[in-house]
Amino acid sequence: MITAPSQRRRGSVQSFDAASGLGMVESGDETWPFHCTALADGSRTVSAQNVVDFVLRAAHHGCWEAADIRSAN
């Protein structure tokens, strides 16, 4: 259950497809989708297994997605 969507979370990039710009970020036992436009540094690509900080936001399709994704390094 998501009680504080704007709370920063830490996780890792589970997968990323550069052709579509879509990826998944995993934190604990939960996984959320993201689009490359959610990368806060303006890049359009990220490597799998990178440790990142992010927030959750409501996606246009009624689910939650990762946003404001920043490298945790």
N, C-alpha and C. Protein backbone atom coordinates (compact mmCIF):
# COMPACT_ATOMS: atom_id res chain seq x y z
N MET A 1 0.84 -1.18 0.00
CA MET A 1 0.00 0.00 0.00
C MET A 1 0.89 1.25 0.00
N ILE A 2 0.60 2.16 -0.86
CA ILE A 2 1.38 3.39 -0.96
C ILE A 2 0.70 4.45 -0.09
N THR A 3 1.41 4.90 0.95
CA THR A 3 0.83 5.89 1.84
C THR A 3 1.43 7.27 1.64
N ALA A 4 2.63 7.36 1.09
CA ALA A 4 3.27 8.65 0.87
C ALA A 4 3.97 8.64 -0.48
N PRO A 5 3.24 8.89 -1.57
CA PRO A 5 3.83 8.81 -2.90
C PRO A 5 5.02 9.74 -3.10
N SER A 6 5.02 10.90 -2.45
CA SER A 6 6.10 11.85 -2.67
C SER A 6 7.35 11.54 -1.86
N GLN A 7 7.29 10.57 -0.97
CA GLN A 7 8.45 10.17 -0.17
C GLN A 7 9.52 9.55 -1.07
N ARG A 8 10.77 10.00 -0.92
CA ARG A 8 11.85 9.44 -1.73
C ARG A 8 12.12 8.01 -1.31
N ARG A 9 12.38 7.18 -2.28
CA ARG A 9 12.67 5.76 -2.07
C ARG A 9 13.99 5.44 -2.72
N ARG A 10 14.60 4.35 -2.30
CA ARG A 10 15.83 3.88 -2.92
C ARG A 10 15.56 2.51 -3.52
N GLY A 11 16.10 2.30 -4.72
CA GLY A 11 15.92 1.02 -5.39
C GLY A 11 16.99 0.84 -6.44
N SER A 12 16.79 -0.13 -7.30
CA SER A 12 17.74 -0.37 -8.39
C SER A 12 16.97 -0.56 -9.68
N VAL A 13 17.62 -0.18 -10.77
CA VAL A 13 17.02 -0.35 -12.09
C VAL A 13 17.04 -1.84 -12.40
N GLN A 14 15.88 -2.41 -12.55
CA GLN A 14 15.77 -3.84 -12.84
C GLN A 14 16.02 -4.12 -14.31
N SER A 15 15.47 -3.24 -15.16
CA SER A 15 15.66 -3.40 -16.60
C SER A 15 15.42 -2.06 -17.27
N PHE A 16 15.99 -1.91 -18.48
CA PHE A 16 15.77 -0.70 -19.27
C PHE A 16 15.95 -1.04 -20.73
N ASP A 17 14.98 -0.65 -21.55
CA ASP A 17 15.02 -0.86 -22.99
C ASP A 17 15.23 0.49 -23.67
N ALA A 18 16.44 0.72 -24.17
CA ALA A 18 16.78 2.01 -24.77
C ALA A 18 15.93 2.31 -26.01
N ALA A 19 15.52 1.30 -26.74
CA ALA A 19 14.73 1.53 -27.96
C ALA A 19 13.37 2.14 -27.64
N SER A 20 12.74 1.68 -26.58
CA SER A 20 11.41 2.21 -26.21
C SER A 20 11.49 3.29 -25.14
N GLY A 21 12.63 3.35 -24.43
CA GLY A 21 12.78 4.30 -23.34
C GLY A 21 12.06 3.88 -22.07
N LEU A 22 11.64 2.63 -22.00
CA LEU A 22 10.90 2.13 -20.85
C LEU A 22 11.77 1.26 -19.96
N GLY A 23 11.54 1.36 -18.67
CA GLY A 23 12.30 0.53 -17.73
C GLY A 23 11.47 0.21 -16.50
N MET A 24 12.10 -0.54 -15.61
CA MET A 24 11.47 -0.93 -14.34
C MET A 24 12.49 -0.68 -13.23
N VAL A 25 12.00 -0.11 -12.12
CA VAL A 25 12.84 0.10 -10.96
C VAL A 25 12.25 -0.73 -9.81
N GLU A 26 13.13 -1.39 -9.06
CA GLU A 26 12.72 -2.30 -8.01
C GLU A 26 13.17 -1.77 -6.66
N SER A 27 12.28 -1.84 -5.68
CA SER A 27 12.60 -1.44 -4.32
C SER A 27 11.92 -2.43 -3.39
N GLY A 28 12.73 -3.18 -2.64
CA GLY A 28 12.15 -4.23 -1.81
C GLY A 28 11.50 -5.28 -2.67
N ASP A 29 10.24 -5.58 -2.39
CA ASP A 29 9.53 -6.58 -3.20
C ASP A 29 8.53 -5.95 -4.16
N GLU A 30 8.70 -4.64 -4.42
CA GLU A 30 7.81 -3.94 -5.35
C GLU A 30 8.59 -3.42 -6.55
N THR A 31 7.91 -3.35 -7.69
CA THR A 31 8.53 -2.90 -8.93
C THR A 31 7.60 -1.89 -9.60
N TRP A 32 8.20 -0.79 -10.11
CA TRP A 32 7.42 0.24 -10.78
C TRP A 32 8.02 0.56 -12.14
N PRO A 33 7.17 0.85 -13.12
CA PRO A 33 7.66 1.23 -14.45
C PRO A 33 8.11 2.69 -14.46
N PHE A 34 8.92 3.03 -15.44
CA PHE A 34 9.29 4.43 -15.67
C PHE A 34 9.63 4.63 -17.13
N HIS A 35 9.57 5.87 -17.57
CA HIS A 35 9.98 6.26 -18.91
C HIS A 35 11.26 7.06 -18.78
N CYS A 36 12.09 7.07 -19.79
CA CYS A 36 13.38 7.76 -19.71
C CYS A 36 13.23 9.25 -19.40
N THR A 37 12.08 9.84 -19.66
CA THR A 37 11.87 11.25 -19.33
C THR A 37 11.79 11.47 -17.82
N ALA A 38 11.69 10.40 -17.04
CA ALA A 38 11.66 10.51 -15.57
C ALA A 38 13.06 10.60 -14.97
N LEU A 39 14.10 10.46 -15.81
CA LEU A 39 15.48 10.57 -15.32
C LEU A 39 15.80 12.04 -15.08
N ALA A 40 16.07 12.39 -13.84
CA ALA A 40 16.23 13.79 -13.45
C ALA A 40 17.44 14.48 -14.07
N ASP A 41 18.45 13.72 -14.46
CA ASP A 41 19.67 14.34 -15.00
C ASP A 41 19.55 14.69 -16.49
N GLY A 42 18.40 14.40 -17.10
CA GLY A 42 18.19 14.74 -18.50
C GLY A 42 18.70 13.71 -19.49
N SER A 43 19.39 12.69 -19.00
CA SER A 43 19.85 11.64 -19.91
C SER A 43 18.65 10.84 -20.38
N ARG A 44 18.83 10.06 -21.38
CA ARG A 44 17.74 9.24 -21.90
C ARG A 44 18.05 7.75 -21.81
N THR A 45 19.05 7.41 -20.99
CA THR A 45 19.40 6.01 -20.81
C THR A 45 19.95 5.79 -19.41
N VAL A 46 19.80 4.57 -18.92
CA VAL A 46 20.30 4.18 -17.61
C VAL A 46 20.64 2.70 -17.67
N SER A 47 21.64 2.31 -16.94
CA SER A 47 22.06 0.91 -16.94
C SER A 47 21.31 0.11 -15.87
N ALA A 48 21.02 -1.14 -16.20
CA ALA A 48 20.41 -2.04 -15.23
C ALA A 48 21.34 -2.19 -14.03
N GLN A 49 20.77 -2.36 -12.89
CA GLN A 49 21.45 -2.53 -11.60
C GLN A 49 21.94 -1.22 -10.99
N ASN A 50 21.79 -0.09 -11.68
CA ASN A 50 22.15 1.20 -11.06
C ASN A 50 21.26 1.42 -9.85
N VAL A 51 21.85 1.89 -8.75
CA VAL A 51 21.10 2.23 -7.55
C VAL A 51 20.59 3.66 -7.72
N VAL A 52 19.30 3.86 -7.49
CA VAL A 52 18.67 5.16 -7.73
C VAL A 52 17.75 5.53 -6.57
N ASP A 53 17.51 6.84 -6.44
CA ASP A 53 16.48 7.37 -5.57
C ASP A 53 15.37 7.88 -6.46
N PHE A 54 14.11 7.76 -6.02
CA PHE A 54 12.98 8.16 -6.85
C PHE A 54 11.76 8.43 -5.97
N VAL A 55 10.76 9.02 -6.57
CA VAL A 55 9.45 9.19 -5.95
C VAL A 55 8.43 8.47 -6.82
N LEU A 56 7.27 8.25 -6.27
CA LEU A 56 6.19 7.65 -7.05
C LEU A 56 5.19 8.74 -7.41
N ARG A 57 4.60 8.60 -8.60
CA ARG A 57 3.53 9.51 -9.00
C ARG A 57 2.46 8.69 -9.73
N ALA A 58 1.27 9.23 -9.74
CA ALA A 58 0.17 8.56 -10.43
C ALA A 58 0.42 8.65 -11.94
N ALA A 59 0.35 7.53 -12.59
CA ALA A 59 0.53 7.48 -14.04
C ALA A 59 -0.80 7.74 -14.72
N HIS A 60 -0.76 8.04 -16.00
CA HIS A 60 -1.98 8.36 -16.74
C HIS A 60 -2.94 7.17 -16.84
N HIS A 61 -2.44 5.97 -16.64
CA HIS A 61 -3.29 4.79 -16.75
C HIS A 61 -3.80 4.29 -15.40
N GLY A 62 -3.67 5.13 -14.36
CA GLY A 62 -4.25 4.80 -13.07
C GLY A 62 -3.36 4.00 -12.13
N CYS A 63 -2.15 3.71 -12.53
CA CYS A 63 -1.20 2.99 -11.69
C CYS A 63 -0.14 3.97 -11.18
N TRP A 64 0.80 3.48 -10.42
CA TRP A 64 1.92 4.29 -9.96
C TRP A 64 3.13 4.03 -10.84
N GLU A 65 3.96 5.07 -11.00
CA GLU A 65 5.21 4.94 -11.76
C GLU A 65 6.31 5.69 -11.03
N ALA A 66 7.55 5.28 -11.29
CA ALA A 66 8.71 5.95 -10.71
C ALA A 66 8.94 7.28 -11.44
N ALA A 67 9.31 8.32 -10.69
CA ALA A 67 9.55 9.64 -11.26
C ALA A 67 10.71 10.30 -10.54
N ASP A 68 11.23 11.37 -11.11
CA ASP A 68 12.34 12.13 -10.52
C ASP A 68 13.45 11.17 -10.09
N ILE A 69 13.87 10.32 -11.02
CA ILE A 69 14.86 9.28 -10.74
C ILE A 69 16.26 9.89 -10.77
N ARG A 70 16.97 9.70 -9.66
CA ARG A 70 18.32 10.26 -9.51
C ARG A 70 19.28 9.17 -9.07
N SER A 71 20.51 9.27 -9.55
CA SER A 71 21.53 8.32 -9.15
C SER A 71 21.76 8.45 -7.64
N ALA A 72 21.89 7.32 -6.96
CA ALA A 72 22.11 7.33 -5.52
C ALA A 72 23.60 7.38 -5.19
N ASN A 73 24.45 7.44 -6.18
CA ASN A 73 25.90 7.46 -5.95
C ASN A 73 26.38 8.81 -5.53
